[in-house]
Amino acid sequence: MIEIALALRVFGPDTVRGCRRLLMAGVRIGITQLTGGRAPARTSEVQREDA
């Protein structure tokens, strides 16, 4: 029982951090798919004045 508690204490924070990173990556992928996978193009002020 002590070994299990020690393993949870040692590896728990890294496991939680890894799960959070995976969830964040999944959210980014989902948002990218919902928005069509493209970021809006930026135009500079000079291009806007010429048009």
PDB file of N, CA and C in Angstrom:
ATOM      1  N   MET A   1       0.823  -1.186   0.000  1.00  0.00           N
ATOM      2  CA  MET A   1       0.000   0.000   0.000  1.00  0.00           C
ATOM      3  C   MET A   1       0.872   1.258   0.000  1.00  0.00           C
ATOM      4  N   ILE A   2       1.969   1.223   0.731  1.00  0.00           N
ATOM      5  CA  ILE A   2       2.859   2.376   0.791  1.00  0.00           C
ATOM      6  C   ILE A   2       3.501   2.629  -0.569  1.00  0.00           C
ATOM      7  N   GLU A   3       3.843   1.553  -1.291  1.00  0.00           N
ATOM      8  CA  GLU A   3       4.460   1.718  -2.613  1.00  0.00           C
ATOM      9  C   GLU A   3       3.497   2.383  -3.592  1.00  0.00           C
ATOM     10  N   ILE A   4       2.236   2.015  -3.514  1.00  0.00           N
ATOM     11  CA  ILE A   4       1.227   2.609  -4.411  1.00  0.00           C
ATOM     12  C   ILE A   4       1.065   4.095  -4.106  1.00  0.00           C
ATOM     13  N   ALA A   5       1.004   4.437  -2.832  1.00  0.00           N
ATOM     14  CA  ALA A   5       0.871   5.841  -2.447  1.00  0.00           C
ATOM     15  C   ALA A   5       2.091   6.643  -2.895  1.00  0.00           C
ATOM     16  N   LEU A   6       3.274   6.049  -2.754  1.00  0.00           N
ATOM     17  CA  LEU A   6       4.494   6.729  -3.170  1.00  0.00           C
ATOM     18  C   LEU A   6       4.519   6.935  -4.686  1.00  0.00           C
ATOM     19  N   ALA A   7       4.106   5.908  -5.437  1.00  0.00           N
ATOM     20  CA  ALA A   7       4.071   6.021  -6.898  1.00  0.00           C
ATOM     21  C   ALA A   7       3.079   7.108  -7.330  1.00  0.00           C
ATOM     22  N   LEU A   8       1.922   7.167  -6.679  1.00  0.00           N
ATOM     23  CA  LEU A   8       0.940   8.207  -7.007  1.00  0.00           C
ATOM     24  C   LEU A   8       1.483   9.589  -6.698  1.00  0.00           C
ATOM     25  N   ARG A   9       2.191   9.702  -5.596  1.00  0.00           N
ATOM     26  CA  ARG A   9       2.743  11.001  -5.219  1.00  0.00           C
ATOM     27  C   ARG A   9       3.850  11.444  -6.172  1.00  0.00           C
ATOM     28  N   VAL A  10       4.656  10.490  -6.640  1.00  0.00           N
ATOM     29  CA  VAL A  10       5.783  10.821  -7.516  1.00  0.00           C
ATOM     30  C   VAL A  10       5.315  11.081  -8.945  1.00  0.00           C
ATOM     31  N   PHE A  11       4.474  10.185  -9.470  1.00  0.00           N
ATOM     32  CA  PHE A  11       4.096  10.282 -10.877  1.00  0.00           C
ATOM     33  C   PHE A  11       2.774  10.996 -11.112  1.00  0.00           C
ATOM     34  N   GLY A  12       2.036  11.290 -10.068  1.00  0.00           N
ATOM     35  CA  GLY A  12       0.735  11.944 -10.205  1.00  0.00           C
ATOM     36  C   GLY A  12       0.786  13.295 -10.894  1.00  0.00           C
ATOM     37  N   PRO A  13       1.640  14.214 -10.439  1.00  0.00           N
ATOM     38  CA  PRO A  13       1.673  15.532 -11.091  1.00  0.00           C
ATOM     39  C   PRO A  13       2.058  15.469 -12.571  1.00  0.00           C
ATOM     40  N   ASP A  14       2.990  14.587 -12.913  1.00  0.00           N
ATOM     41  CA  ASP A  14       3.372  14.460 -14.326  1.00  0.00           C
ATOM     42  C   ASP A  14       2.227  13.884 -15.149  1.00  0.00           C
ATOM     43  N   THR A  15       1.501  12.952 -14.585  1.00  0.00           N
ATOM     44  CA  THR A  15       0.366  12.355 -15.288  1.00  0.00           C
ATOM     45  C   THR A  15      -0.725  13.392 -15.519  1.00  0.00           C
ATOM     46  N   VAL A  16      -1.008  14.177 -14.505  1.00  0.00           N
ATOM     47  CA  VAL A  16      -2.030  15.221 -14.639  1.00  0.00           C
ATOM     48  C   VAL A  16      -1.601  16.251 -15.676  1.00  0.00           C
ATOM     49  N   ARG A  17      -0.332  16.650 -15.635  1.00  0.00           N
ATOM     50  CA  ARG A  17       0.185  17.620 -16.601  1.00  0.00           C
ATOM     51  C   ARG A  17       0.093  17.073 -18.019  1.00  0.00           C
ATOM     52  N   GLY A  18       0.425  15.804 -18.205  1.00  0.00           N
ATOM     53  CA  GLY A  18       0.344  15.188 -19.529  1.00  0.00           C
ATOM     54  C   GLY A  18      -1.086  15.121 -20.038  1.00  0.00           C
ATOM     55  N   CYS A  19      -2.014  14.792 -19.156  1.00  0.00           N
ATOM     56  CA  CYS A  19      -3.423  14.743 -19.555  1.00  0.00           C
ATOM     57  C   CYS A  19      -3.930  16.122 -19.949  1.00  0.00           C
ATOM     58  N   ARG A  20      -3.525  17.140 -19.208  1.00  0.00           N
ATOM     59  CA  ARG A  20      -3.941  18.498 -19.547  1.00  0.00           C
ATOM     60  C   ARG A  20      -3.404  18.912 -20.911  1.00  0.00           C
ATOM     61  N   ARG A  21      -2.138  18.539 -21.213  1.00  0.00           N
ATOM     62  CA  ARG A  21      -1.566  18.875 -22.524  1.00  0.00           C
ATOM     63  C   ARG A  21      -2.324  18.172 -23.642  1.00  0.00           C
ATOM     64  N   LEU A  22      -2.684  16.903 -23.432  1.00  0.00           N
ATOM     65  CA  LEU A  22      -3.443  16.178 -24.448  1.00  0.00           C
ATOM     66  C   LEU A  22      -4.814  16.809 -24.662  1.00  0.00           C
ATOM     67  N   LEU A  23      -5.476  17.209 -23.588  1.00  0.00           N
ATOM     68  CA  LEU A  23      -6.773  17.854 -23.724  1.00  0.00           C
ATOM     69  C   LEU A  23      -6.662  19.188 -24.455  1.00  0.00           C
ATOM     70  N   MET A  24      -5.624  19.959 -24.146  1.00  0.00           N
ATOM     71  CA  MET A  24      -5.439  21.244 -24.824  1.00  0.00           C
ATOM     72  C   MET A  24      -5.174  21.038 -26.310  1.00  0.00           C
ATOM     73  N   ALA A  25      -4.378  20.018 -26.646  1.00  0.00           N
ATOM     74  CA  ALA A  25      -4.106  19.735 -28.053  1.00  0.00           C
ATOM     75  C   ALA A  25      -5.385  19.304 -28.762  1.00  0.00           C
ATOM     76  N   GLY A  26      -6.203  18.518 -28.104  1.00  0.00           N
ATOM     77  CA  GLY A  26      -7.474  18.106 -28.692  1.00  0.00           C
ATOM     78  C   GLY A  26      -8.403  19.273 -28.928  1.00  0.00           C
ATOM     79  N   VAL A  27      -8.425  20.220 -28.009  1.00  0.00           N
ATOM     80  CA  VAL A  27      -9.264  21.408 -28.175  1.00  0.00           C
ATOM     81  C   VAL A  27      -8.765  22.232 -29.347  1.00  0.00           C
ATOM     82  N   ARG A  28      -7.443  22.388 -29.472  1.00  0.00           N
ATOM     83  CA  ARG A  28      -6.896  23.146 -30.607  1.00  0.00           C
ATOM     84  C   ARG A  28      -7.254  22.488 -31.921  1.00  0.00           C
ATOM     85  N   ILE A  29      -7.143  21.171 -31.987  1.00  0.00           N
ATOM     86  CA  ILE A  29      -7.464  20.458 -33.227  1.00  0.00           C
ATOM     87  C   ILE A  29      -8.945  20.625 -33.539  1.00  0.00           C
ATOM     88  N   GLY A  30      -9.791  20.529 -32.518  1.00  0.00           N
ATOM     89  CA  GLY A  30     -11.228  20.698 -32.733  1.00  0.00           C
ATOM     90  C   GLY A  30     -11.575  22.093 -33.209  1.00  0.00           C
ATOM     91  N   ILE A  31     -10.962  23.099 -32.634  1.00  0.00           N
ATOM     92  CA  ILE A  31     -11.233  24.482 -33.054  1.00  0.00           C
ATOM     93  C   ILE A  31     -10.762  24.687 -34.485  1.00  0.00           C
ATOM     94  N   THR A  32      -9.612  24.117 -34.841  1.00  0.00           N
ATOM     95  CA  THR A  32      -9.096  24.254 -36.197  1.00  0.00           C
ATOM     96  C   THR A  32     -10.048  23.628 -37.197  1.00  0.00           C
ATOM     97  N   GLN A  33     -10.593  22.476 -36.857  1.00  0.00           N
ATOM     98  CA  GLN A  33     -11.522  21.817 -37.773  1.00  0.00           C
ATOM     99  C   GLN A  33     -12.821  22.602 -37.897  1.00  0.00           C
ATOM    100  N   LEU A  34     -13.276  23.193 -36.800  1.00  0.00           N
ATOM    101  CA  LEU A  34     -14.516  23.960 -36.863  1.00  0.00           C
ATOM    102  C   LEU A  34     -14.360  25.235 -37.685  1.00  0.00           C
ATOM    103  N   THR A  35     -13.185  25.842 -37.646  1.00  0.00           N
ATOM    104  CA  THR A  35     -12.989  27.087 -38.373  1.00  0.00           C
ATOM    105  C   THR A  35     -12.514  26.856 -39.798  1.00  0.00           C
ATOM    106  N   GLY A  36     -12.421  25.646 -40.221  1.00  0.00           N
ATOM    107  CA  GLY A  36     -12.037  25.370 -41.598  1.00  0.00           C
ATOM    108  C   GLY A  36     -10.547  25.183 -41.780  1.00  0.00           C
ATOM    109  N   GLY A  37      -9.775  25.230 -40.730  1.00  0.00           N
ATOM    110  CA  GLY A  37      -8.350  24.949 -40.816  1.00  0.00           C
ATOM    111  C   GLY A  37      -7.498  26.091 -41.324  1.00  0.00           C
ATOM    112  N   ARG A  38      -8.071  27.242 -41.537  1.00  0.00           N
ATOM    113  CA  ARG A  38      -7.288  28.375 -42.034  1.00  0.00           C
ATOM    114  C   ARG A  38      -7.400  29.547 -41.083  1.00  0.00           C
ATOM    115  N   ALA A  39      -6.308  30.228 -40.933  1.00  0.00           N
ATOM    116  CA  ALA A  39      -6.333  31.472 -40.167  1.00  0.00           C
ATOM    117  C   ALA A  39      -6.690  32.605 -41.126  1.00  0.00           C
ATOM    118  N   PRO A  40      -7.405  33.592 -40.681  1.00  0.00           N
ATOM    119  CA  PRO A  40      -7.747  34.704 -41.581  1.00  0.00           C
ATOM    120  C   PRO A  40      -6.493  35.438 -42.040  1.00  0.00           C
ATOM    121  N   ALA A  41      -6.494  35.804 -43.305  1.00  0.00           N
ATOM    122  CA  ALA A  41      -5.343  36.506 -43.868  1.00  0.00           C
ATOM    123  C   ALA A  41      -5.353  37.951 -43.386  1.00  0.00           C
ATOM    124  N   ARG A  42      -4.183  38.441 -43.045  1.00  0.00           N
ATOM    125  CA  ARG A  42      -4.069  39.833 -42.609  1.00  0.00           C
ATOM    126  C   ARG A  42      -3.598  40.674 -43.777  1.00  0.00           C
ATOM    127  N   THR A  43      -4.155  41.847 -43.885  1.00  0.00           N
ATOM    128  CA  THR A  43      -3.711  42.775 -44.920  1.00  0.00           C
ATOM    129  C   THR A  43      -3.096  43.978 -44.242  1.00  0.00           C
ATOM    130  N   SER A  44      -2.085  44.499 -44.839  1.00  0.00           N
ATOM    131  CA  SER A  44      -1.428  45.665 -44.252  1.00  0.00           C
ATOM    132  C   SER A  44      -2.197  46.932 -44.623  1.00  0.00           C
ATOM    133  N   GLU A  45      -1.905  48.000 -43.968  1.00  0.00           N
ATOM    134  CA  GLU A  45      -2.562  49.262 -44.235  1.00  0.00           C
ATOM    135  C   GLU A  45      -2.269  49.761 -45.645  1.00  0.00           C
ATOM    136  N   VAL A  46      -1.065  49.494 -46.158  1.00  0.00           N
ATOM    137  CA  VAL A  46      -0.714  49.940 -47.496  1.00  0.00           C
ATOM    138  C   VAL A  46      -1.568  49.245 -48.543  1.00  0.00           C
ATOM    139  N   GLN A  47      -1.803  47.960 -48.373  1.00  0.00           N
ATOM    140  CA  GLN A  47      -2.642  47.234 -49.342  1.00  0.00           C
ATOM    141  C   GLN A  47      -4.072  47.730 -49.282  1.00  0.00           C
ATOM    142  N   ARG A  48      -4.569  48.067 -48.114  1.00  0.00           N
ATOM    143  CA  ARG A  48      -5.934  48.549 -48.009  1.00  0.00           C
ATOM    144  C   ARG A  48      -6.095  49.905 -48.689  1.00  0.00           C
ATOM    145  N   GLU A  49      -5.095  50.775 -48.626  1.00  0.00           N
ATOM    146  CA  GLU A  49      -5.184  52.096 -49.242  1.00  0.00           C
ATOM    147  C   GLU A  49      -5.129  51.998 -50.758  1.00  0.00           C
ATOM    148  N   ASP A  50      -4.370  51.019 -51.297  1.00  0.00           N
ATOM    149  CA  ASP A  50      -4.253  50.885 -52.748  1.00  0.00           C
ATOM    150  C   ASP A  50      -5.526  50.338 -53.354  1.00  0.00           C
ATOM    151  N   ALA A  51      -6.290  49.565 -52.634  1.00  0.00           N
ATOM    152  CA  ALA A  51      -7.453  48.899 -53.202  1.00  0.00           C
ATOM    153  C   ALA A  51      -8.617  49.833 -53.400  1.00  0.00           C
TER     154      ALA A  51
END
